[in-house]
Amino acid sequence: MGLLHSKRITSKTIEVNSTQFEDAMARYNEATQREIELKQMLENEVNELISKYSQELDAIAQIKQASFGLAHTYCLLNKETLFSKRRSIGTLYGIAGFRLGTPRLKTLKGSNWANILTALKEHLPTYIRTIEEPAKDLLLADRNKETVAPLLYSIGVQVVQDELFYIEPQKAA
């Protein structure tokens, strides 16, 4: 995979001869190959560590899930007595409790969002969202159509493409 750069060349550009260019390409290629080797070594080591501890982590996850379920059940069954004054209780091993989630809207049984939208239009029209924005993706896709192309400049837009420099290093053997 090559590296892309976009850079304007200024009047302070230094002179570079073909030997320097070839040397830069060689160094870039060597650095890329070494980078690939190091990333592969790192990935192999990470995979070894993951496999070394994966069974224990799976067992721990199962213990946590079962313990959470038991604690949750106990707290639900004893909610009135344990949580009559506070939303949490402390133990030697931690805190358990109930907290309110983020408020959300839920449709009533037999209702749906289409019916709600109709009712909002009649009773609470300020709670209907309307978003107007240029469809840039469509303008770009249709930029060459005869109905669109001549109007782009007159509406104040132009299609531009930056020229990007790239190097694709030689693949390792």
C-alpha atoms as a PDB file:
ATOM      1  CA  MET A   1       0.000   0.000   0.000  1.00  0.00           C
ATOM      2  CA  GLY A   2       1.483   3.330  -0.983  1.00  0.00           C
ATOM      3  CA  LEU A   3       1.669   6.503   1.013  1.00  0.00           C
ATOM      4  CA  LEU A   4      -0.110   9.530  -0.432  1.00  0.00           C
ATOM      5  CA  HIS A   5       0.995  13.103   0.176  1.00  0.00           C
ATOM      6  CA  SER A   6      -0.289  16.365  -1.181  1.00  0.00           C
ATOM      7  CA  LYS A   7       2.291  19.124  -1.021  1.00  0.00           C
ATOM      8  CA  ARG A   8       2.748  22.334  -2.927  1.00  0.00           C
ATOM      9  CA  ILE A   9       6.301  22.904  -4.118  1.00  0.00           C
ATOM     10  CA  THR A  10       7.570  26.378  -3.196  1.00  0.00           C
ATOM     11  CA  SER A  11      10.370  28.481  -4.619  1.00  0.00           C
ATOM     12  CA  LYS A  12      12.622  27.236  -1.788  1.00  0.00           C
ATOM     13  CA  THR A  13      12.605  23.695  -3.226  1.00  0.00           C
ATOM     14  CA  ILE A  14      16.045  22.084  -3.132  1.00  0.00           C
ATOM     15  CA  GLU A  15      17.591  20.422  -6.157  1.00  0.00           C
ATOM     16  CA  VAL A  16      17.427  16.601  -6.166  1.00  0.00           C
ATOM     17  CA  ASN A  17      19.288  14.527  -8.729  1.00  0.00           C
ATOM     18  CA  SER A  18      18.342  11.058 -10.014  1.00  0.00           C
ATOM     19  CA  THR A  19      20.852   9.316  -7.720  1.00  0.00           C
ATOM     20  CA  GLN A  20      19.323  10.978  -4.656  1.00  0.00           C
ATOM     21  CA  PHE A  21      15.842  10.069  -5.927  1.00  0.00           C
ATOM     22  CA  GLU A  22      16.802   6.388  -6.385  1.00  0.00           C
ATOM     23  CA  ASP A  23      18.441   6.370  -2.937  1.00  0.00           C
ATOM     24  CA  ALA A  24      15.288   7.850  -1.364  1.00  0.00           C
ATOM     25  CA  MET A  25      13.135   5.242  -3.113  1.00  0.00           C
ATOM     26  CA  ALA A  26      15.425   2.443  -1.856  1.00  0.00           C
ATOM     27  CA  ARG A  27      15.368   3.729   1.731  1.00  0.00           C
ATOM     28  CA  TYR A  28      11.586   4.155   1.580  1.00  0.00           C
ATOM     29  CA  ASN A  29      11.208   0.589   0.295  1.00  0.00           C
ATOM     30  CA  GLU A  30      13.557  -0.841   2.964  1.00  0.00           C
ATOM     31  CA  ALA A  31      11.739   1.059   5.733  1.00  0.00           C
ATOM     32  CA  THR A  32       8.373  -0.178   4.459  1.00  0.00           C
ATOM     33  CA  GLN A  33       9.551  -3.809   4.347  1.00  0.00           C
ATOM     34  CA  ARG A  34      10.978  -3.565   7.888  1.00  0.00           C
ATOM     35  CA  GLU A  35       7.737  -1.954   9.080  1.00  0.00           C
ATOM     36  CA  ILE A  36       5.762  -4.883   7.607  1.00  0.00           C
ATOM     37  CA  GLU A  37       8.095  -7.386   9.331  1.00  0.00           C
ATOM     38  CA  LEU A  38       7.803  -5.645  12.707  1.00  0.00           C
ATOM     39  CA  LYS A  39       4.018  -5.398  12.493  1.00  0.00           C
ATOM     40  CA  GLN A  40       3.798  -9.104  11.638  1.00  0.00           C
ATOM     41  CA  MET A  41       6.069 -10.000  14.575  1.00  0.00           C
ATOM     42  CA  LEU A  42       3.985  -7.829  16.882  1.00  0.00           C
ATOM     43  CA  GLU A  43       0.764  -9.401  15.631  1.00  0.00           C
ATOM     44  CA  ASN A  44       2.182 -12.901  16.182  1.00  0.00           C
ATOM     45  CA  GLU A  45       3.241 -12.049  19.738  1.00  0.00           C
ATOM     46  CA  VAL A  46      -0.154 -10.524  20.531  1.00  0.00           C
ATOM     47  CA  ASN A  47      -1.903 -13.626  19.155  1.00  0.00           C
ATOM     48  CA  GLU A  48       0.310 -15.848  21.316  1.00  0.00           C
ATOM     49  CA  LEU A  49      -0.610 -13.820  24.414  1.00  0.00           C
ATOM     50  CA  ILE A  50      -4.293 -13.893  23.547  1.00  0.00           C
ATOM     51  CA  SER A  51      -4.282 -17.666  23.108  1.00  0.00           C
ATOM     52  CA  LYS A  52      -2.247 -18.112  26.316  1.00  0.00           C
ATOM     53  CA  TYR A  53      -4.873 -16.324  28.432  1.00  0.00           C
ATOM     54  CA  SER A  54      -8.080 -16.842  26.418  1.00  0.00           C
ATOM     55  CA  GLN A  55      -9.344 -19.928  28.281  1.00  0.00           C
ATOM     56  CA  GLU A  56      -8.860 -18.295  31.672  1.00  0.00           C
ATOM     57  CA  LEU A  57     -10.498 -15.076  30.457  1.00  0.00           C
ATOM     58  CA  ASP A  58     -13.468 -17.059  29.114  1.00  0.00           C
ATOM     59  CA  ALA A  59     -13.859 -18.836  32.460  1.00  0.00           C
ATOM     60  CA  ILE A  60     -13.652 -15.521  34.313  1.00  0.00           C
ATOM     61  CA  ALA A  61     -16.297 -14.015  32.017  1.00  0.00           C
ATOM     62  CA  GLN A  62     -18.639 -16.932  32.755  1.00  0.00           C
ATOM     63  CA  ILE A  63     -18.080 -16.570  36.520  1.00  0.00           C
ATOM     64  CA  LYS A  64     -18.758 -12.829  36.330  1.00  0.00           C
ATOM     65  CA  GLN A  65     -21.923 -13.337  34.268  1.00  0.00           C
ATOM     66  CA  ALA A  66     -23.309 -16.002  36.624  1.00  0.00           C
ATOM     67  CA  SER A  67     -22.411 -13.960  39.718  1.00  0.00           C
ATOM     68  CA  PHE A  68     -23.977 -10.821  38.245  1.00  0.00           C
ATOM     69  CA  GLY A  69     -27.148 -12.770  37.487  1.00  0.00           C
ATOM     70  CA  LEU A  70     -27.397 -14.126  41.041  1.00  0.00           C
ATOM     71  CA  ALA A  71     -26.761 -10.714  42.600  1.00  0.00           C
ATOM     72  CA  HIS A  72     -29.306  -9.092  40.265  1.00  0.00           C
ATOM     73  CA  THR A  73     -31.933 -11.701  41.084  1.00  0.00           C
ATOM     74  CA  TYR A  74     -31.337 -11.280  44.824  1.00  0.00           C
ATOM     75  CA  CYS A  75     -31.644  -7.497  44.578  1.00  0.00           C
ATOM     76  CA  LEU A  76     -34.819  -7.729  42.461  1.00  0.00           C
ATOM     77  CA  LEU A  77     -36.433 -10.155  44.925  1.00  0.00           C
ATOM     78  CA  ASN A  78     -35.512  -7.928  47.873  1.00  0.00           C
ATOM     79  CA  LYS A  79     -35.840  -4.531  46.179  1.00  0.00           C
ATOM     80  CA  GLU A  80     -38.421  -3.108  48.584  1.00  0.00           C
ATOM     81  CA  THR A  81     -36.393  -3.853  51.707  1.00  0.00           C
ATOM     82  CA  LEU A  82     -32.871  -3.299  50.405  1.00  0.00           C
ATOM     83  CA  PHE A  83     -33.557  -0.170  48.359  1.00  0.00           C
ATOM     84  CA  SER A  84     -36.365   1.587  50.243  1.00  0.00           C
ATOM     85  CA  LYS A  85     -34.169   4.576  51.193  1.00  0.00           C
ATOM     86  CA  ARG A  86     -31.250   4.413  48.746  1.00  0.00           C
ATOM     87  CA  ARG A  87     -30.729   3.205  45.187  1.00  0.00           C
ATOM     88  CA  SER A  88     -27.593   1.224  46.123  1.00  0.00           C
ATOM     89  CA  ILE A  89     -26.215  -0.954  48.900  1.00  0.00           C
ATOM     90  CA  GLY A  90     -22.625  -1.496  49.973  1.00  0.00           C
ATOM     91  CA  THR A  91     -21.041  -4.817  50.870  1.00  0.00           C
ATOM     92  CA  LEU A  92     -17.544  -5.921  51.781  1.00  0.00           C
ATOM     93  CA  TYR A  93     -16.960  -6.677  48.102  1.00  0.00           C
ATOM     94  CA  GLY A  94     -18.531  -3.720  46.347  1.00  0.00           C
ATOM     95  CA  ILE A  95     -21.682  -1.752  45.692  1.00  0.00           C
ATOM     96  CA  ALA A  96     -24.833  -3.004  43.985  1.00  0.00           C
ATOM     97  CA  GLY A  97     -27.846  -0.975  43.040  1.00  0.00           C
ATOM     98  CA  PHE A  98     -30.234   0.379  40.489  1.00  0.00           C
ATOM     99  CA  ARG A  99     -29.687   3.541  38.494  1.00  0.00           C
ATOM    100  CA  LEU A 100     -31.997   5.239  36.064  1.00  0.00           C
ATOM    101  CA  GLY A 101     -31.069   4.899  32.415  1.00  0.00           C
ATOM    102  CA  THR A 102     -31.166   7.663  29.840  1.00  0.00           C
ATOM    103  CA  PRO A 103     -34.729   8.869  29.164  1.00  0.00           C
ATOM    104  CA  ARG A 104     -36.124   7.635  25.846  1.00  0.00           C
ATOM    105  CA  LEU A 105     -39.420   7.646  24.014  1.00  0.00           C
ATOM    106  CA  LYS A 106     -41.340   4.431  23.509  1.00  0.00           C
ATOM    107  CA  THR A 107     -44.540   4.021  21.524  1.00  0.00           C
ATOM    108  CA  LEU A 108     -47.646   2.933  23.380  1.00  0.00           C
ATOM    109  CA  LYS A 109     -49.227  -0.397  22.527  1.00  0.00           C
ATOM    110  CA  GLY A 110     -51.158  -0.014  19.259  1.00  0.00           C
ATOM    111  CA  SER A 111     -49.293   3.167  18.290  1.00  0.00           C
ATOM    112  CA  ASN A 112     -46.466   3.709  15.815  1.00  0.00           C
ATOM    113  CA  TRP A 113     -44.180   6.561  14.802  1.00  0.00           C
ATOM    114  CA  ALA A 114     -46.160   7.348  11.621  1.00  0.00           C
ATOM    115  CA  ASN A 115     -49.318   7.972  13.701  1.00  0.00           C
ATOM    116  CA  ILE A 116     -47.293   9.975  16.199  1.00  0.00           C
ATOM    117  CA  LEU A 117     -45.915  12.169  13.389  1.00  0.00           C
ATOM    118  CA  THR A 118     -49.443  12.890  12.162  1.00  0.00           C
ATOM    119  CA  ALA A 119     -50.558  13.815  15.678  1.00  0.00           C
ATOM    120  CA  LEU A 120     -47.485  16.006  16.176  1.00  0.00           C
ATOM    121  CA  LYS A 121     -48.283  17.930  12.973  1.00  0.00           C
ATOM    122  CA  GLU A 122     -51.673  18.786  14.428  1.00  0.00           C
ATOM    123  CA  HIS A 123     -50.891  19.344  18.116  1.00  0.00           C
ATOM    124  CA  LEU A 124     -47.145  20.008  18.530  1.00  0.00           C
ATOM    125  CA  PRO A 125     -45.738  21.076  15.125  1.00  0.00           C
ATOM    126  CA  THR A 126     -42.602  22.602  16.668  1.00  0.00           C
ATOM    127  CA  TYR A 127     -41.487  19.068  17.566  1.00  0.00           C
ATOM    128  CA  ILE A 128     -41.126  17.993  13.935  1.00  0.00           C
ATOM    129  CA  ARG A 129     -37.600  18.166  12.559  1.00  0.00           C
ATOM    130  CA  THR A 130     -36.945  19.337   8.999  1.00  0.00           C
ATOM    131  CA  ILE A 131     -33.376  19.384   7.734  1.00  0.00           C
ATOM    132  CA  GLU A 132     -32.376  21.110   4.504  1.00  0.00           C
ATOM    133  CA  GLU A 133     -28.833  20.718   3.257  1.00  0.00           C
ATOM    134  CA  PRO A 134     -27.076  20.382  -0.082  1.00  0.00           C
ATOM    135  CA  ALA A 135     -26.914  16.790  -1.346  1.00  0.00           C
ATOM    136  CA  LYS A 136     -23.199  17.023  -2.077  1.00  0.00           C
ATOM    137  CA  ASP A 137     -22.897  13.327  -2.893  1.00  0.00           C
ATOM    138  CA  LEU A 138     -25.599  13.590  -5.573  1.00  0.00           C
ATOM    139  CA  LEU A 139     -24.115  16.775  -7.054  1.00  0.00           C
ATOM    140  CA  LEU A 140     -20.728  15.068  -7.271  1.00  0.00           C
ATOM    141  CA  ALA A 141     -22.221  11.906  -8.801  1.00  0.00           C
ATOM    142  CA  ASP A 142     -24.217  13.893 -11.394  1.00  0.00           C
ATOM    143  CA  ARG A 143     -21.530  16.531 -12.113  1.00  0.00           C
ATOM    144  CA  ASN A 144     -21.210  15.474 -15.762  1.00  0.00           C
ATOM    145  CA  LYS A 145     -24.932  15.384 -16.601  1.00  0.00           C
ATOM    146  CA  GLU A 146     -26.083  18.055 -19.039  1.00  0.00           C
ATOM    147  CA  THR A 147     -28.765  19.230 -16.600  1.00  0.00           C
ATOM    148  CA  VAL A 148     -26.257  19.710 -13.761  1.00  0.00           C
ATOM    149  CA  ALA A 149     -22.834  20.545 -15.246  1.00  0.00           C
ATOM    150  CA  PRO A 150     -23.696  23.975 -16.730  1.00  0.00           C
ATOM    151  CA  LEU A 151     -25.357  25.131 -13.508  1.00  0.00           C
ATOM    152  CA  LEU A 152     -22.617  24.237 -11.020  1.00  0.00           C
ATOM    153  CA  TYR A 153     -20.586  27.420 -11.550  1.00  0.00           C
ATOM    154  CA  SER A 154     -23.669  29.662 -11.535  1.00  0.00           C
ATOM    155  CA  ILE A 155     -24.816  28.278  -8.165  1.00  0.00           C
ATOM    156  CA  GLY A 156     -21.337  28.880  -6.732  1.00  0.00           C
ATOM    157  CA  VAL A 157     -19.728  25.456  -6.679  1.00  0.00           C
ATOM    158  CA  GLN A 158     -16.889  23.768  -8.543  1.00  0.00           C
ATOM    159  CA  VAL A 159     -15.572  20.218  -8.648  1.00  0.00           C
ATOM    160  CA  VAL A 160     -11.911  19.968  -7.672  1.00  0.00           C
ATOM    161  CA  GLN A 161      -9.491  17.069  -7.459  1.00  0.00           C
ATOM    162  CA  ASP A 162      -6.173  17.325  -5.671  1.00  0.00           C
ATOM    163  CA  GLU A 163      -3.172  15.656  -7.234  1.00  0.00           C
ATOM    164  CA  LEU A 164      -1.569  13.348  -4.696  1.00  0.00           C
ATOM    165  CA  PHE A 165       1.969  12.037  -4.795  1.00  0.00           C
ATOM    166  CA  TYR A 166       2.430   8.371  -3.908  1.00  0.00           C
ATOM    167  CA  ILE A 167       5.075   5.701  -3.537  1.00  0.00           C
ATOM    168  CA  GLU A 168       4.247   2.002  -3.817  1.00  0.00           C
ATOM    169  CA  PRO A 169       7.129   0.042  -2.350  1.00  0.00           C
ATOM    170  CA  GLN A 170       8.230  -3.139  -4.069  1.00  0.00           C
ATOM    171  CA  LYS A 171       6.637  -6.258  -2.568  1.00  0.00           C
ATOM    172  CA  ALA A 172       8.903  -8.379  -0.389  1.00  0.00           C
ATOM    173  CA  ALA A 173      10.068 -11.592  -1.984  1.00  0.00           C
END
